[in-house]
Amino acid sequence: MAAHPAKSVKQLTEAELALMLRLTRDLATAAAQGDLDRALDILEERRRTLKGFSWPEKADPEFWKKVRALRDLEEEVMAFCRTWREVVAKRLRSLNTAHFLRMSYCPPAEEARFIDVNK
């Protein structure tokens, strides 16, 4: 069996970190506006951007501060998405209950049906 050649891994630069920060902010904006298609596109772009990167072994402390800021922003976006999902689930339960009550207390009017007596 032949061994797989090792993939060359590119170090994450400050410019790429800034791009990730911008993409995360755009993702937060899209999620806040309810534009889920755009949010999905941004997530795919982030995935493609992150693929193949590794963290630098030695980096400026300012770089790590930016990385922590990016992680904090991502945590805020995830918390917002979780809250949003809970709100949507609660509203859906309310709508289901309202529909059940409406059907229980105000059933739809029965419509006259044509009955074929020749059958």
Protein backbone atom coordinates (compact mmCIF):
# COMPACT_ATOMS: atom_id res chain seq x y z
CA MET A 1 0.00 0.00 0.00
CA ALA A 2 1.22 3.43 -0.84
CA ALA A 3 1.22 6.03 1.90
CA HIS A 4 -0.80 9.18 1.38
CA PRO A 5 1.36 12.24 0.83
CA ALA A 6 1.12 14.77 3.64
CA LYS A 7 -0.99 17.77 2.78
CA SER A 8 0.74 21.10 2.89
CA VAL A 9 -0.91 23.15 5.60
CA LYS A 10 -0.94 26.91 5.22
CA GLN A 11 -0.47 29.16 8.25
CA LEU A 12 -3.40 31.46 9.04
CA THR A 13 -2.36 35.08 8.45
CA GLU A 14 -3.75 38.29 9.93
CA ALA A 15 -5.47 39.13 6.63
CA GLU A 16 -7.21 35.75 6.59
CA LEU A 17 -8.16 36.18 10.24
CA ALA A 18 -9.67 39.57 9.35
CA LEU A 19 -11.59 37.87 6.52
CA MET A 20 -12.93 35.28 8.98
CA LEU A 21 -13.98 38.06 11.35
CA ARG A 22 -15.82 39.84 8.52
CA LEU A 23 -17.51 36.60 7.45
CA THR A 24 -18.59 35.94 11.04
CA ARG A 25 -20.04 39.45 11.32
CA ASP A 26 -21.83 38.99 7.99
CA LEU A 27 -23.16 35.67 9.26
CA ALA A 28 -24.47 37.36 12.41
CA THR A 29 -26.15 40.06 10.32
CA ALA A 30 -27.76 37.53 7.98
CA ALA A 31 -29.03 35.44 10.90
CA ALA A 32 -30.40 38.54 12.66
CA GLN A 33 -32.24 39.56 9.49
CA GLY A 34 -33.63 36.06 9.03
CA ASP A 35 -31.88 35.64 5.65
CA LEU A 36 -31.10 31.95 6.08
CA ASP A 37 -30.05 31.38 2.46
CA ARG A 38 -27.40 34.09 2.74
CA ALA A 39 -26.33 32.74 6.15
CA LEU A 40 -25.87 29.29 4.61
CA ASP A 41 -23.78 30.76 1.77
CA ILE A 42 -21.60 32.59 4.30
CA LEU A 43 -21.15 29.41 6.35
CA GLU A 44 -20.03 27.58 3.20
CA GLU A 45 -17.59 30.39 2.38
CA ARG A 46 -16.19 30.25 5.94
CA ARG A 47 -15.78 26.48 5.65
CA ARG A 48 -13.88 26.83 2.37
CA THR A 49 -11.72 29.60 3.84
CA LEU A 50 -10.81 27.61 6.96
CA LYS A 51 -10.08 24.38 5.09
CA GLY A 52 -6.38 23.61 5.11
CA PHE A 53 -5.24 26.22 7.64
CA SER A 54 -3.29 25.65 10.80
CA TRP A 55 -2.65 28.02 13.68
CA PRO A 56 0.81 29.60 13.74
CA GLU A 57 3.08 28.25 16.46
CA LYS A 58 4.60 31.62 17.21
CA ALA A 59 2.39 34.64 16.77
CA ASP A 60 2.08 38.17 17.98
CA PRO A 61 -0.07 38.55 21.12
CA GLU A 62 -2.24 40.95 19.11
CA PHE A 63 -2.98 38.08 16.71
CA TRP A 64 -4.21 35.89 19.56
CA LYS A 65 -6.31 38.77 20.85
CA LYS A 66 -8.01 38.90 17.44
CA VAL A 67 -8.51 35.13 17.51
CA ARG A 68 -10.19 35.42 20.92
CA ALA A 69 -12.38 38.26 19.60
CA LEU A 70 -13.39 36.05 16.67
CA ARG A 71 -14.25 33.17 19.01
CA ASP A 72 -16.29 35.51 21.23
CA LEU A 73 -18.18 36.79 18.20
CA GLU A 74 -18.84 33.23 17.04
CA GLU A 75 -20.17 32.36 20.51
CA GLU A 76 -22.52 35.36 20.34
CA VAL A 77 -23.76 34.25 16.91
CA MET A 78 -24.32 30.69 18.17
CA ALA A 79 -26.16 31.96 21.27
CA PHE A 80 -28.36 34.13 19.06
CA CYS A 81 -29.12 31.19 16.75
CA ARG A 82 -30.00 28.95 19.71
CA THR A 83 -32.28 31.65 21.16
CA TRP A 84 -33.84 32.21 17.76
CA ARG A 85 -34.48 28.47 17.38
CA GLU A 86 -36.14 28.38 20.83
CA VAL A 87 -38.34 31.36 19.94
CA VAL A 88 -39.38 29.74 16.65
CA ALA A 89 -40.18 26.45 18.43
CA LYS A 90 -42.26 28.29 21.04
CA ARG A 91 -44.18 30.19 18.35
CA LEU A 92 -44.79 26.97 16.45
CA ARG A 93 -46.18 25.32 19.59
CA SER A 94 -48.47 28.34 20.08
CA LEU A 95 -49.68 28.13 16.50
CA ASN A 96 -50.34 24.40 16.83
CA THR A 97 -52.31 24.98 20.04
CA ALA A 98 -54.27 27.81 18.43
CA HIS A 99 -55.08 25.62 15.42
CA PHE A 100 -56.20 22.77 17.69
CA LEU A 101 -58.45 25.10 19.70
CA ARG A 102 -59.88 26.64 16.54
CA MET A 103 -60.67 23.24 15.08
CA SER A 104 -62.17 22.08 18.40
CA TYR A 105 -64.44 25.07 18.96
CA CYS A 106 -65.04 26.25 15.40
CA PRO A 107 -64.96 23.22 13.15
CA PRO A 108 -65.11 23.93 9.44
CA ALA A 109 -68.59 24.11 7.96
CA GLU A 110 -69.60 20.89 6.29
CA GLU A 111 -69.98 21.26 2.58
CA ALA A 112 -72.64 19.48 0.60
CA ARG A 113 -71.22 16.55 -1.31
CA PHE A 114 -72.45 14.94 -4.45
CA ILE A 115 -73.28 11.32 -3.82
CA ASP A 116 -73.50 9.04 -6.82
CA VAL A 117 -76.41 6.74 -6.06
CA ASN A 118 -75.76 4.69 -9.18
CA LYS A 119 -72.73 3.01 -7.65
